Structures are given as C-alpha cells and as structure tokens.
Amino acid sequence: MKLFTYQNIEGSLFGIKSPLTLSKFRKIDKYISADGKTEIDILAENKIRWAVEIKWKTKAAGVKEIDSFFRKASPLAEKCWYISKAGFTEEAKALASQKGILFSAEKELQILENKFDKT
C-alpha cells in the first residue's frame, strides 16, 4: 500500500468490475481499539480510510470470515479490503461483493506487485 500513488488498476485484482484508483496514503498502521477487542491488520488513511485484513492461511476464506471482518471494519473505514492467500469460497465472494468489500488472493497480489515493479 506504500506504493499506491493514484494508479488506475483493473478492478478484477480487487474483486470488482470497474477500474480502481489507488489512493496515496499519508498514514498506514495496525489498528487496535482502546479496549483491545478489535484488531485490524491495516488502517490506511488519506481522504478516505481503508481497513485491510490479511489472512495467509491454506484454507479459502468463507462467509464467516468476510462477515466478521465487515462487522469490525465498516464502522472504521469507507473501503474494506480482504486479502486471503488461498482465495475465497464462491459464497464469500458473493457476500463481499454485496457488502462492497474489495477482495484479493495471492495471485492478484502477485499481479499487483508486478505492476508496481514496472513503475
């Protein structure tokens, strides 16, 4: 996310159909609520706030994981992005799309990384 500088990227890398402009963030940090009950891997801020969850497991993310992330992240951020190394179940993709959550698997991250290597 530190390499995001207003690039226009195909939305398919984030589970959406339309292109996406990647904001340049002024602050990128882990988030832990004051009571310690809510943790978000990345909270990135600029004009809008992004919440990002990263799961580097061998099992595809399902509806339960997407729903849990949405419940904790949506009050804190305008954009939510779930990254799962193993990808997503079809039901999880449908729920993410319904709730407006961006989602990427390892394959999409590698493509994204290659795009930044060329800039």
PDB file of N, CA and C in Angstrom:
ATOM      1  N   MET A   1       0.824  -1.192   0.000  1.00  0.00           N
ATOM      2  CA  MET A   1       0.000   0.000   0.000  1.00  0.00           C
ATOM      3  C   MET A   1       0.869   1.258   0.000  1.00  0.00           C
ATOM      4  N   LYS A   2       2.096   1.101   0.461  1.00  0.00           N
ATOM      5  CA  LYS A   2       3.006   2.242   0.439  1.00  0.00           C
ATOM      6  C   LYS A   2       3.358   2.656  -0.984  1.00  0.00           C
ATOM      7  N   LEU A   3       3.160   1.748  -1.937  1.00  0.00           N
ATOM      8  CA  LEU A   3       3.451   2.049  -3.341  1.00  0.00           C
ATOM      9  C   LEU A   3       2.251   2.617  -4.089  1.00  0.00           C
ATOM     10  N   PHE A   4       1.102   2.693  -3.438  1.00  0.00           N
ATOM     11  CA  PHE A   4      -0.084   3.257  -4.080  1.00  0.00           C
ATOM     12  C   PHE A   4       0.117   4.764  -4.254  1.00  0.00           C
ATOM     13  N   THR A   5       0.046   5.218  -5.489  1.00  0.00           N
ATOM     14  CA  THR A   5       0.180   6.655  -5.776  1.00  0.00           C
ATOM     15  C   THR A   5      -0.767   7.049  -6.896  1.00  0.00           C
ATOM     16  N   TYR A   6      -2.034   6.821  -6.674  1.00  0.00           N
ATOM     17  CA  TYR A   6      -3.099   7.209  -7.602  1.00  0.00           C
ATOM     18  C   TYR A   6      -3.051   6.458  -8.927  1.00  0.00           C
ATOM     19  N   GLN A   7      -2.500   5.233  -8.926  1.00  0.00           N
ATOM     20  CA  GLN A   7      -2.511   4.426 -10.139  1.00  0.00           C
ATOM     21  C   GLN A   7      -3.940   3.955 -10.418  1.00  0.00           C
ATOM     22  N   ASN A   8      -4.266   3.856 -11.691  1.00  0.00           N
ATOM     23  CA  ASN A   8      -5.531   3.260 -12.106  1.00  0.00           C
ATOM     24  C   ASN A   8      -5.260   1.781 -12.375  1.00  0.00           C
ATOM     25  N   ILE A   9      -5.965   0.924 -11.678  1.00  0.00           N
ATOM     26  CA  ILE A   9      -5.738  -0.518 -11.726  1.00  0.00           C
ATOM     27  C   ILE A   9      -7.047  -1.202 -12.104  1.00  0.00           C
ATOM     28  N   GLU A  10      -6.933  -2.302 -12.860  1.00  0.00           N
ATOM     29  CA  GLU A  10      -8.148  -3.041 -13.195  1.00  0.00           C
ATOM     30  C   GLU A  10      -8.784  -3.594 -11.920  1.00  0.00           C
ATOM     31  N   GLY A  11     -10.085  -3.417 -11.840  1.00  0.00           N
ATOM     32  CA  GLY A  11     -10.832  -3.807 -10.657  1.00  0.00           C
ATOM     33  C   GLY A  11     -10.812  -5.295 -10.371  1.00  0.00           C
ATOM     34  N   SER A  12     -10.576  -6.107 -11.392  1.00  0.00           N
ATOM     35  CA  SER A  12     -10.575  -7.560 -11.191  1.00  0.00           C
ATOM     36  C   SER A  12      -9.538  -7.996 -10.158  1.00  0.00           C
ATOM     37  N   LEU A  13      -8.498  -7.207  -9.949  1.00  0.00           N
ATOM     38  CA  LEU A  13      -7.491  -7.529  -8.933  1.00  0.00           C
ATOM     39  C   LEU A  13      -8.033  -7.330  -7.519  1.00  0.00           C
ATOM     40  N   PHE A  14      -9.191  -6.673  -7.423  1.00  0.00           N
ATOM     41  CA  PHE A  14      -9.830  -6.392  -6.138  1.00  0.00           C
ATOM     42  C   PHE A  14     -11.243  -6.957  -6.067  1.00  0.00           C
ATOM     43  N   GLY A  15     -11.579  -7.841  -6.998  1.00  0.00           N
ATOM     44  CA  GLY A  15     -12.884  -8.486  -6.982  1.00  0.00           C
ATOM     45  C   GLY A  15     -14.034  -7.641  -7.477  1.00  0.00           C
ATOM     46  N   ILE A  16     -13.723  -6.569  -8.211  1.00  0.00           N
ATOM     47  CA  ILE A  16     -14.778  -5.705  -8.747  1.00  0.00           C
ATOM     48  C   ILE A  16     -14.616  -5.573 -10.256  1.00  0.00           C
ATOM     49  N   LYS A  17     -15.660  -5.088 -10.907  1.00  0.00           N
ATOM     50  CA  LYS A  17     -15.636  -4.982 -12.370  1.00  0.00           C
ATOM     51  C   LYS A  17     -15.014  -3.687 -12.871  1.00  0.00           C
ATOM     52  N   SER A  18     -15.261  -2.591 -12.185  1.00  0.00           N
ATOM     53  CA  SER A  18     -14.785  -1.297 -12.678  1.00  0.00           C
ATOM     54  C   SER A  18     -13.358  -1.023 -12.203  1.00  0.00           C
ATOM     55  N   PRO A  19     -12.612  -0.206 -12.960  1.00  0.00           N
ATOM     56  CA  PRO A  19     -11.249   0.149 -12.550  1.00  0.00           C
ATOM     57  C   PRO A  19     -11.243   0.854 -11.195  1.00  0.00           C
ATOM     58  N   LEU A  20     -10.117   0.804 -10.540  1.00  0.00           N
ATOM     59  CA  LEU A  20      -9.972   1.393  -9.207  1.00  0.00           C
ATOM     60  C   LEU A  20      -8.744   2.289  -9.200  1.00  0.00           C
ATOM     61  N   THR A  21      -8.892   3.484  -8.639  1.00  0.00           N
ATOM     62  CA  THR A  21      -7.748   4.372  -8.464  1.00  0.00           C
ATOM     63  C   THR A  21      -7.229   4.172  -7.046  1.00  0.00           C
ATOM     64  N   LEU A  22      -5.958   3.848  -6.942  1.00  0.00           N
ATOM     65  CA  LEU A  22      -5.345   3.554  -5.655  1.00  0.00           C
ATOM     66  C   LEU A  22      -4.829   4.832  -4.999  1.00  0.00           C
ATOM     67  N   SER A  23      -5.408   5.178  -3.886  1.00  0.00           N
ATOM     68  CA  SER A  23      -5.022   6.389  -3.161  1.00  0.00           C
ATOM     69  C   SER A  23      -3.591   6.314  -2.661  1.00  0.00           C
ATOM     70  N   LYS A  24      -2.982   7.466  -2.515  1.00  0.00           N
ATOM     71  CA  LYS A  24      -1.696   7.555  -1.819  1.00  0.00           C
ATOM     72  C   LYS A  24      -2.038   7.835  -0.355  1.00  0.00           C
ATOM     73  N   PHE A  25      -1.571   6.981   0.528  1.00  0.00           N
ATOM     74  CA  PHE A  25      -1.941   7.101   1.934  1.00  0.00           C
ATOM     75  C   PHE A  25      -0.895   7.887   2.719  1.00  0.00           C
ATOM     76  N   ARG A  26      -1.360   8.739   3.619  1.00  0.00           N
ATOM     77  CA  ARG A  26      -0.458   9.519   4.455  1.00  0.00           C
ATOM     78  C   ARG A  26      -0.122   8.790   5.745  1.00  0.00           C
ATOM     79  N   LYS A  27      -0.937   7.771   6.078  1.00  0.00           N
ATOM     80  CA  LYS A  27      -0.702   7.026   7.307  1.00  0.00           C
ATOM     81  C   LYS A  27      -1.167   5.584   7.094  1.00  0.00           C
ATOM     82  N   ILE A  28      -0.296   4.631   7.426  1.00  0.00           N
ATOM     83  CA  ILE A  28      -0.614   3.209   7.320  1.00  0.00           C
ATOM     84  C   ILE A  28      -0.154   2.544   8.613  1.00  0.00           C
ATOM     85  N   ASP A  29      -1.104   2.042   9.399  1.00  0.00           N
ATOM     86  CA  ASP A  29      -0.785   1.444  10.694  1.00  0.00           C
ATOM     87  C   ASP A  29      -1.712   0.280  10.998  1.00  0.00           C
ATOM     88  N   LYS A  30      -1.311  -0.527  11.948  1.00  0.00           N
ATOM     89  CA  LYS A  30      -2.191  -1.548  12.518  1.00  0.00           C
ATOM     90  C   LYS A  30      -3.170  -0.809  13.431  1.00  0.00           C
ATOM     91  N   TYR A  31      -4.381  -1.346  13.571  1.00  0.00           N
ATOM     92  CA  TYR A  31      -5.370  -0.729  14.453  1.00  0.00           C
ATOM     93  C   TYR A  31      -5.741  -1.693  15.567  1.00  0.00           C
ATOM     94  N   ILE A  32      -5.703  -1.195  16.788  1.00  0.00           N
ATOM     95  CA  ILE A  32      -6.209  -1.923  17.948  1.00  0.00           C
ATOM     96  C   ILE A  32      -7.074  -0.935  18.728  1.00  0.00           C
ATOM     97  N   SER A  33      -8.320  -1.329  18.990  1.00  0.00           N
ATOM     98  CA  SER A  33      -9.234  -0.445  19.719  1.00  0.00           C
ATOM     99  C   SER A  33      -8.725  -0.211  21.145  1.00  0.00           C
ATOM    100  N   ALA A  34      -9.224   0.830  21.769  1.00  0.00           N
ATOM    101  CA  ALA A  34      -8.785   1.185  23.121  1.00  0.00           C
ATOM    102  C   ALA A  34      -9.017   0.047  24.118  1.00  0.00           C
ATOM    103  N   ASP A  35     -10.098  -0.708  23.914  1.00  0.00           N
ATOM    104  CA  ASP A  35     -10.384  -1.822  24.826  1.00  0.00           C
ATOM    105  C   ASP A  35      -9.667  -3.114  24.420  1.00  0.00           C
ATOM    106  N   GLY A  36      -8.941  -3.075  23.296  1.00  0.00           N
ATOM    107  CA  GLY A  36      -8.183  -4.228  22.840  1.00  0.00           C
ATOM    108  C   GLY A  36      -9.001  -5.334  22.198  1.00  0.00           C
ATOM    109  N   LYS A  37     -10.291  -5.118  22.019  1.00  0.00           N
ATOM    110  CA  LYS A  37     -11.173  -6.157  21.490  1.00  0.00           C
ATOM    111  C   LYS A  37     -11.219  -6.204  19.960  1.00  0.00           C
ATOM    112  N   THR A  38     -10.869  -5.106  19.317  1.00  0.00           N
ATOM    113  CA  THR A  38     -10.927  -5.046  17.859  1.00  0.00           C
ATOM    114  C   THR A  38      -9.545  -4.790  17.298  1.00  0.00           C
ATOM    115  N   GLU A  39      -9.104  -5.692  16.428  1.00  0.00           N
ATOM    116  CA  GLU A  39      -7.826  -5.531  15.739  1.00  0.00           C
ATOM    117  C   GLU A  39      -8.062  -5.583  14.236  1.00  0.00           C
ATOM    118  N   ILE A  40      -7.396  -4.693  13.535  1.00  0.00           N
ATOM    119  CA  ILE A  40      -7.426  -4.683  12.074  1.00  0.00           C
ATOM    120  C   ILE A  40      -5.979  -4.604  11.620  1.00  0.00           C
ATOM    121  N   ASP A  41      -5.618  -5.475  10.683  1.00  0.00           N
ATOM    122  CA  ASP A  41      -4.223  -5.574  10.257  1.00  0.00           C
ATOM    123  C   ASP A  41      -3.668  -4.253   9.756  1.00  0.00           C
ATOM    124  N   ILE A  42      -4.455  -3.555   8.934  1.00  0.00           N
ATOM    125  CA  ILE A  42      -4.004  -2.262   8.401  1.00  0.00           C
ATOM    126  C   ILE A  42      -5.173  -1.289   8.386  1.00  0.00           C
ATOM    127  N   LEU A  43      -4.929  -0.098   8.877  1.00  0.00           N
ATOM    128  CA  LEU A  43      -5.845   1.022   8.721  1.00  0.00           C
ATOM    129  C   LEU A  43      -5.036   2.102   8.009  1.00  0.00           C
ATOM    130  N   ALA A  44      -5.395   2.363   6.767  1.00  0.00           N
ATOM    131  CA  ALA A  44      -4.657   3.319   5.943  1.00  0.00           C
ATOM    132  C   ALA A  44      -5.519   4.556   5.749  1.00  0.00           C
ATOM    133  N   GLU A  45      -4.899   5.721   5.892  1.00  0.00           N
ATOM    134  CA  GLU A  45      -5.673   6.961   5.844  1.00  0.00           C
ATOM    135  C   GLU A  45      -5.167   7.941   4.806  1.00  0.00           C
ATOM    136  N   ASN A  46      -6.112   8.581   4.178  1.00  0.00           N
ATOM    137  CA  ASN A  46      -5.934   9.728   3.318  1.00  0.00           C
ATOM    138  C   ASN A  46      -7.259  10.454   3.364  1.00  0.00           C
ATOM    139  N   LYS A  47      -7.811  10.831   2.220  1.00  0.00           N
ATOM    140  CA  LYS A  47      -9.140  11.451   2.230  1.00  0.00           C
ATOM    141  C   LYS A  47     -10.187  10.438   2.665  1.00  0.00           C
ATOM    142  N   ILE A  48      -9.956   9.174   2.317  1.00  0.00           N
ATOM    143  CA  ILE A  48     -10.813   8.106   2.811  1.00  0.00           C
ATOM    144  C   ILE A  48      -9.938   7.092   3.540  1.00  0.00           C
ATOM    145  N   ARG A  49     -10.559   6.339   4.421  1.00  0.00           N
ATOM    146  CA  ARG A  49      -9.837   5.355   5.222  1.00  0.00           C
ATOM    147  C   ARG A  49     -10.115   3.957   4.676  1.00  0.00           C
ATOM    148  N   TRP A  50      -9.067   3.165   4.555  1.00  0.00           N
ATOM    149  CA  TRP A  50      -9.166   1.768   4.147  1.00  0.00           C
ATOM    150  C   TRP A  50      -8.850   0.887   5.344  1.00  0.00           C
ATOM    151  N   ALA A  51      -9.644  -0.167   5.537  1.00  0.00           N
ATOM    152  CA  ALA A  51      -9.347  -1.207   6.513  1.00  0.00           C
ATOM    153  C   ALA A  51      -8.977  -2.459   5.727  1.00  0.00           C
ATOM    154  N   VAL A  52      -7.887  -3.100   6.131  1.00  0.00           N
ATOM    155  CA  VAL A  52      -7.389  -4.263   5.392  1.00  0.00           C
ATOM    156  C   VAL A  52      -7.155  -5.422   6.355  1.00  0.00           C
ATOM    157  N   GLU A  53      -7.677  -6.572   5.978  1.00  0.00           N
ATOM    158  CA  GLU A  53      -7.444  -7.814   6.725  1.00  0.00           C
ATOM    159  C   GLU A  53      -6.608  -8.734   5.846  1.00  0.00           C
ATOM    160  N   ILE A  54      -5.569  -9.320   6.413  1.00  0.00           N
ATOM    161  CA  ILE A  54      -4.693 -10.212   5.653  1.00  0.00           C
ATOM    162  C   ILE A  54      -4.679 -11.566   6.342  1.00  0.00           C
ATOM    163  N   LYS A  55      -5.075 -12.600   5.610  1.00  0.00           N
ATOM    164  CA  LYS A  55      -5.063 -13.968   6.128  1.00  0.00           C
ATOM    165  C   LYS A  55      -4.183 -14.817   5.219  1.00  0.00           C
ATOM    166  N   TRP A  56      -3.083 -15.285   5.749  1.00  0.00           N
ATOM    167  CA  TRP A  56      -2.116 -16.041   4.957  1.00  0.00           C
ATOM    168  C   TRP A  56      -2.210 -17.517   5.352  1.00  0.00           C
ATOM    169  N   LYS A  57      -3.399 -18.084   5.155  1.00  0.00           N
ATOM    170  CA  LYS A  57      -3.669 -19.475   5.511  1.00  0.00           C
ATOM    171  C   LYS A  57      -3.869 -20.300   4.242  1.00  0.00           C
ATOM    172  N   THR A  58      -3.905 -21.607   4.417  1.00  0.00           N
ATOM    173  CA  THR A  58      -4.063 -22.509   3.267  1.00  0.00           C
ATOM    174  C   THR A  58      -5.530 -22.788   2.937  1.00  0.00           C
ATOM    175  N   LYS A  59      -6.441 -22.341   3.762  1.00  0.00           N
ATOM    176  CA  LYS A  59      -7.878 -22.555   3.545  1.00  0.00           C
ATOM    177  C   LYS A  59      -8.521 -21.278   3.007  1.00  0.00           C
ATOM    178  N   ALA A  60      -9.351 -21.441   1.990  1.00  0.00           N
ATOM    179  CA  ALA A  60     -10.052 -20.291   1.406  1.00  0.00           C
ATOM    180  C   ALA A  60     -10.924 -19.607   2.451  1.00  0.00           C
ATOM    181  N   ALA A  61     -10.974 -18.291   2.390  1.00  0.00           N
ATOM    182  CA  ALA A  61     -11.827 -17.522   3.294  1.00  0.00           C
ATOM    183  C   ALA A  61     -13.289 -17.769   2.941  1.00  0.00           C
ATOM    184  N   GLY A  62     -14.104 -17.892   3.972  1.00  0.00           N
ATOM    185  CA  GLY A  62     -15.522 -18.149   3.774  1.00  0.00           C
ATOM    186  C   GLY A  62     -16.389 -16.991   4.233  1.00  0.00           C
ATOM    187  N   VAL A  63     -17.682 -17.226   4.221  1.00  0.00           N
ATOM    188  CA  VAL A  63     -18.667 -16.215   4.608  1.00  0.00           C
ATOM    189  C   VAL A  63     -18.426 -15.735   6.033  1.00  0.00           C
ATOM    190  N   LYS A  64     -18.124 -16.641   6.935  1.00  0.00           N
ATOM    191  CA  LYS A  64     -17.904 -16.277   8.345  1.00  0.00           C
ATOM    192  C   LYS A  64     -16.780 -15.248   8.478  1.00  0.00           C
ATOM    193  N   GLU A  65     -15.676 -15.465   7.780  1.00  0.00           N
ATOM    194  CA  GLU A  65     -14.536 -14.546   7.859  1.00  0.00           C
ATOM    195  C   GLU A  65     -14.867 -13.180   7.255  1.00  0.00           C
ATOM    196  N   ILE A  66     -15.530 -13.200   6.113  1.00  0.00           N
ATOM    197  CA  ILE A  66     -15.906 -11.937   5.459  1.00  0.00           C
ATOM    198  C   ILE A  66     -16.867 -11.146   6.333  1.00  0.00           C
ATOM    199  N   ASP A  67     -17.871 -11.822   6.872  1.00  0.00           N
ATOM    200  CA  ASP A  67     -18.863 -11.144   7.710  1.00  0.00           C
ATOM    201  C   ASP A  67     -18.223 -10.573   8.973  1.00  0.00           C
ATOM    202  N   SER A  68     -17.359 -11.341   9.603  1.00  0.00           N
ATOM    203  CA  SER A  68     -16.682 -10.875  10.819  1.00  0.00           C
ATOM    204  C   SER A  68     -15.835  -9.631  10.526  1.00  0.00           C
ATOM    205  N   PHE A  69     -15.082  -9.678   9.435  1.00  0.00           N
ATOM    206  CA  PHE A  69     -14.270  -8.524   9.051  1.00  0.00           C
ATOM    207  C   PHE A  69     -15.148  -7.300   8.784  1.00  0.00           C
ATOM    208  N   PHE A  70     -16.238  -7.487   8.053  1.00  0.00           N
ATOM    209  CA  PHE A  70     -17.108  -6.359   7.724  1.00  0.00           C
ATOM    210  C   PHE A  70     -17.683  -5.722   8.985  1.00  0.00           C
ATOM    211  N   ARG A  71     -18.094  -6.551   9.935  1.00  0.00           N
ATOM    212  CA  ARG A  71     -18.689  -6.001  11.157  1.00  0.00           C
ATOM    213  C   ARG A  71     -17.702  -5.158  11.951  1.00  0.00           C
ATOM    214  N   LYS A  72     -16.442  -5.557  11.988  1.00  0.00           N
ATOM    215  CA  LYS A  72     -15.474  -4.779  12.769  1.00  0.00           C
ATOM    216  C   LYS A  72     -14.859  -3.623  11.973  1.00  0.00           C
ATOM    217  N   ALA A  73     -14.758  -3.763  10.654  1.00  0.00           N
ATOM    218  CA  ALA A  73     -14.067  -2.749   9.850  1.00  0.00           C
ATOM    219  C   ALA A  73     -14.969  -1.648   9.310  1.00  0.00           C
ATOM    220  N   SER A  74     -16.201  -1.975   8.953  1.00  0.00           N
ATOM    221  CA  SER A  74     -17.056  -0.971   8.296  1.00  0.00           C
ATOM    222  C   SER A  74     -17.331   0.268   9.147  1.00  0.00           C
ATOM    223  N   PRO A  75     -17.407   0.178  10.480  1.00  0.00           N
ATOM    224  CA  PRO A  75     -17.575   1.416  11.248  1.00  0.00           C
ATOM    225  C   PRO A  75     -16.333   2.315  11.239  1.00  0.00           C
ATOM    226  N   LEU A  76     -15.177   1.743  10.878  1.00  0.00           N
ATOM    227  CA  LEU A  76     -13.915   2.476  10.942  1.00  0.00           C
ATOM    228  C   LEU A  76     -13.420   2.991   9.602  1.00  0.00           C
ATOM    229  N   ALA A  77     -13.935   2.441   8.499  1.00  0.00           N
ATOM    230  CA  ALA A  77     -13.349   2.750   7.194  1.00  0.00           C
ATOM    231  C   ALA A  77     -14.405   2.792   6.101  1.00  0.00           C
ATOM    232  N   GLU A  78     -14.119   3.614   5.096  1.00  0.00           N
ATOM    233  CA  GLU A  78     -15.012   3.712   3.943  1.00  0.00           C
ATOM    234  C   GLU A  78     -14.784   2.570   2.954  1.00  0.00           C
ATOM    235  N   LYS A  79     -13.546   2.076   2.877  1.00  0.00           N
ATOM    236  CA  LYS A  79     -13.218   0.953   1.992  1.00  0.00           C
ATOM    237  C   LYS A  79     -12.660  -0.177   2.840  1.00  0.00           C
ATOM    238  N   CYS A  80     -13.161  -1.379   2.576  1.00  0.00           N
ATOM    239  CA  CYS A  80     -12.673  -2.569   3.255  1.00  0.00           C
ATOM    240  C   CYS A  80     -12.076  -3.497   2.201  1.00  0.00           C
ATOM    241  N   TRP A  81     -10.894  -4.063   2.516  1.00  0.00           N
ATOM    242  CA  TRP A  81     -10.181  -4.932   1.579  1.00  0.00           C
ATOM    243  C   TRP A  81      -9.724  -6.167   2.339  1.00  0.00           C
ATOM    244  N   TYR A  82     -10.181  -7.331   1.863  1.00  0.00           N
ATOM    245  CA  TYR A  82      -9.821  -8.595   2.496  1.00  0.00           C
ATOM    246  C   TYR A  82      -8.869  -9.330   1.577  1.00  0.00           C
ATOM    247  N   ILE A  83      -7.726  -9.711   2.119  1.00  0.00           N
ATOM    248  CA  ILE A  83      -6.708 -10.434   1.351  1.00  0.00           C
ATOM    249  C   ILE A  83      -6.590 -11.835   1.950  1.00  0.00           C
ATOM    250  N   SER A  84      -6.739 -12.840   1.100  1.00  0.00           N
ATOM    251  CA  SER A  84      -6.642 -14.228   1.543  1.00  0.00           C
ATOM    252  C   SER A  84      -5.717 -14.987   0.603  1.00  0.00           C
ATOM    253  N   LYS A  85      -4.626 -15.518   1.141  1.00  0.00           N
ATOM    254  CA  LYS A  85      -3.657 -16.251   0.327  1.00  0.00           C
ATOM    255  C   LYS A  85      -4.329 -17.346  -0.485  1.00  0.00           C
ATOM    256  N   ALA A  86      -5.221 -18.090   0.140  1.00  0.00           N
ATOM    257  CA  ALA A  86      -5.842 -19.251  -0.503  1.00  0.00           C
ATOM    258  C   ALA A  86      -7.097 -18.904  -1.302  1.00  0.00           C
ATOM    259  N   GLY A  87      -7.451 -17.640  -1.369  1.00  0.00           N
ATOM    260  CA  GLY A  87      -8.640 -17.255  -2.123  1.00  0.00           C
ATOM    261  C   GLY A  87      -9.899 -17.289  -1.275  1.00  0.00           C
ATOM    262  N   PHE A  88     -11.028 -17.437  -1.952  1.00  0.00           N
ATOM    263  CA  PHE A  88     -12.330 -17.276  -1.316  1.00  0.00           C
ATOM    264  C   PHE A  88     -13.310 -18.316  -1.834  1.00  0.00           C
ATOM    265  N   THR A  89     -14.230 -18.719  -0.987  1.00  0.00           N
ATOM    266  CA  THR A  89     -15.319 -19.560  -1.464  1.00  0.00           C
ATOM    267  C   THR A  89     -16.221 -18.698  -2.349  1.00  0.00           C
ATOM    268  N   GLU A  90     -17.008 -19.319  -3.181  1.00  0.00           N
ATOM    269  CA  GLU A  90     -17.935 -18.562  -4.036  1.00  0.00           C
ATOM    270  C   GLU A  90     -18.920 -17.766  -3.190  1.00  0.00           C
ATOM    271  N   GLU A  91     -19.367 -18.343  -2.080  1.00  0.00           N
ATOM    272  CA  GLU A  91     -20.298 -17.650  -1.186  1.00  0.00           C
ATOM    273  C   GLU A  91     -19.644 -16.417  -0.564  1.00  0.00           C
ATOM    274  N   ALA A  92     -18.366 -16.544  -0.214  1.00  0.00           N
ATOM    275  CA  ALA A  92     -17.630 -15.410   0.371  1.00  0.00           C
ATOM    276  C   ALA A  92     -17.475 -14.295  -0.659  1.00  0.00           C
ATOM    277  N   LYS A  93     -17.186 -14.651  -1.901  1.00  0.00           N
ATOM    278  CA  LYS A  93     -17.081 -13.638  -2.966  1.00  0.00           C
ATOM    279  C   LYS A  93     -18.409 -12.910  -3.145  1.00  0.00           C
ATOM    280  N   ALA A  94     -19.496 -13.665  -3.123  1.00  0.00           N
ATOM    281  CA  ALA A  94     -20.822 -13.052  -3.278  1.00  0.00           C
ATOM    282  C   ALA A  94     -21.124 -12.095  -2.134  1.00  0.00           C
ATOM    283  N   LEU A  95     -20.823 -12.506  -0.905  1.00  0.00           N
ATOM    284  CA  LEU A  95     -21.064 -11.644   0.255  1.00  0.00           C
ATOM    285  C   LEU A  95     -20.186 -10.405   0.200  1.00  0.00           C
ATOM    286  N   ALA A  96     -18.917 -10.576  -0.147  1.00  0.00           N
ATOM    287  CA  ALA A  96     -18.009  -9.429  -0.251  1.00  0.00           C
ATOM    288  C   ALA A  96     -18.534  -8.439  -1.290  1.00  0.00           C
ATOM    289  N   SER A  97     -18.952  -8.937  -2.423  1.00  0.00           N
ATOM    290  CA  SER A  97     -19.495  -8.060  -3.472  1.00  0.00           C
ATOM    291  C   SER A  97     -20.743  -7.337  -2.987  1.00  0.00           C
ATOM    292  N   GLN A  98     -21.614  -8.058  -2.311  1.00  0.00           N
ATOM    293  CA  GLN A  98     -22.853  -7.469  -1.787  1.00  0.00           C
ATOM    294  C   GLN A  98     -22.563  -6.343  -0.797  1.00  0.00           C
ATOM    295  N   LYS A  99     -21.550  -6.524   0.018  1.00  0.00           N
ATOM    296  CA  LYS A  99     -21.221  -5.532   1.058  1.00  0.00           C
ATOM    297  C   LYS A  99     -20.214  -4.483   0.600  1.00  0.00           C
ATOM    298  N   GLY A 100     -19.738  -4.598  -0.646  1.00  0.00           N
ATOM    299  CA  GLY A 100     -18.793  -3.611  -1.164  1.00  0.00           C
ATOM    300  C   GLY A 100     -17.376  -3.813  -0.674  1.00  0.00           C
ATOM    301  N   ILE A 101     -17.038  -5.027  -0.265  1.00  0.00           N
ATOM    302  CA  ILE A 101     -15.692  -5.329   0.223  1.00  0.00           C
ATOM    303  C   ILE A 101     -14.814  -5.706  -0.961  1.00  0.00           C
ATOM    304  N   LEU A 102     -13.667  -5.076  -1.060  1.00  0.00           N
ATOM    305  CA  LEU A 102     -12.680  -5.470  -2.060  1.00  0.00           C
ATOM    306  C   LEU A 102     -12.041  -6.765  -1.584  1.00  0.00           C
ATOM    307  N   PHE A 103     -11.664  -7.649  -2.521  1.00  0.00           N
ATOM    308  CA  PHE A 103     -11.011  -8.882  -2.101  1.00  0.00           C
ATOM    309  C   PHE A 103      -9.986  -9.324  -3.130  1.00  0.00           C
ATOM    310  N   SER A 104      -8.882  -9.860  -2.602  1.00  0.00           N
ATOM    311  CA  SER A 104      -7.770 -10.308  -3.443  1.00  0.00           C
ATOM    312  C   SER A 104      -7.157 -11.558  -2.839  1.00  0.00           C
ATOM    313  N   ALA A 105      -6.729 -12.463  -3.717  1.00  0.00           N
ATOM    314  CA  ALA A 105      -5.985 -13.653  -3.305  1.00  0.00           C
ATOM    315  C   ALA A 105      -4.519 -13.451  -3.653  1.00  0.00           C
ATOM    316  N   GLU A 106      -3.693 -14.432  -3.334  1.00  0.00           N
ATOM    317  CA  GLU A 106      -2.260 -14.329  -3.592  1.00  0.00           C
ATOM    318  C   GLU A 106      -1.974 -14.038  -5.060  1.00  0.00           C
ATOM    319  N   LYS A 107      -2.705 -14.676  -5.948  1.00  0.00           N
ATOM    320  CA  LYS A 107      -2.497 -14.484  -7.390  1.00  0.00           C
ATOM    321  C   LYS A 107      -2.676 -13.011  -7.786  1.00  0.00           C
ATOM    322  N   GLU A 108      -3.720 -12.384  -7.284  1.00  0.00           N
ATOM    323  CA  GLU A 108      -3.967 -10.972  -7.600  1.00  0.00           C
ATOM    324  C   GLU A 108      -2.884 -10.076  -6.995  1.00  0.00           C
ATOM    325  N   LEU A 109      -2.422 -10.419  -5.801  1.00  0.00           N
ATOM    326  CA  LEU A 109      -1.351  -9.626  -5.186  1.00  0.00           C
ATOM    327  C   LEU A 109      -0.064  -9.707  -5.992  1.00  0.00           C
ATOM    328  N   GLN A 110       0.235 -10.876  -6.533  1.00  0.00           N
ATOM    329  CA  GLN A 110       1.430 -11.024  -7.362  1.00  0.00           C
ATOM    330  C   GLN A 110       1.324 -10.182  -8.631  1.00  0.00           C
ATOM    331  N   ILE A 111       0.161 -10.172  -9.244  1.00  0.00           N
ATOM    332  CA  ILE A 111      -0.053  -9.340 -10.438  1.00  0.00           C
ATOM    333  C   ILE A 111       0.103  -7.867 -10.071  1.00  0.00           C
ATOM    334  N   LEU A 112      -0.480  -7.474  -8.959  1.00  0.00           N
ATOM    335  CA  LEU A 112      -0.384  -6.091  -8.492  1.00  0.00           C
ATOM    336  C   LEU A 112       1.071  -5.714  -8.227  1.00  0.00           C
ATOM    337  N   GLU A 113       1.800  -6.597  -7.584  1.00  0.00           N
ATOM    338  CA  GLU A 113       3.207  -6.345  -7.287  1.00  0.00           C
ATOM    339  C   GLU A 113       4.008  -6.169  -8.584  1.00  0.00           C
ATOM    340  N   ASN A 114       3.742  -6.998  -9.576  1.00  0.00           N
ATOM    341  CA  ASN A 114       4.427  -6.884 -10.861  1.00  0.00           C
ATOM    342  C   ASN A 114       4.143  -5.547 -11.542  1.00  0.00           C
ATOM    343  N   LYS A 115       2.936  -5.026 -11.376  1.00  0.00           N
ATOM    344  CA  LYS A 115       2.601  -3.729 -11.959  1.00  0.00           C
ATOM    345  C   LYS A 115       3.432  -2.620 -11.312  1.00  0.00           C
ATOM    346  N   PHE A 116       3.663  -2.723 -10.007  1.00  0.00           N
ATOM    347  CA  PHE A 116       4.443  -1.713  -9.315  1.00  0.00           C
ATOM    348  C   PHE A 116       5.921  -1.818  -9.645  1.00  0.00           C
ATOM    349  N   ASP A 117       6.387  -3.019  -9.922  1.00  0.00           N
ATOM    350  CA  ASP A 117       7.785  -3.206 -10.317  1.00  0.00           C
ATOM    351  C   ASP A 117       8.101  -2.482 -11.620  1.00  0.00           C
ATOM    352  N   LYS A 118       7.079  -2.297 -12.462  1.00  0.00           N
ATOM    353  CA  LYS A 118       7.286  -1.674 -13.777  1.00  0.00           C
ATOM    354  C   LYS A 118       7.138  -0.166 -13.736  1.00  0.00           C
ATOM    355  N   THR A 119       6.722   0.373 -12.577  1.00  0.00           N
ATOM    356  CA  THR A 119       6.537   1.833 -12.494  1.00  0.00           C
ATOM    357  C   THR A 119       7.749   2.514 -11.938  1.00  0.00           C
TER     358      THR A 119
END
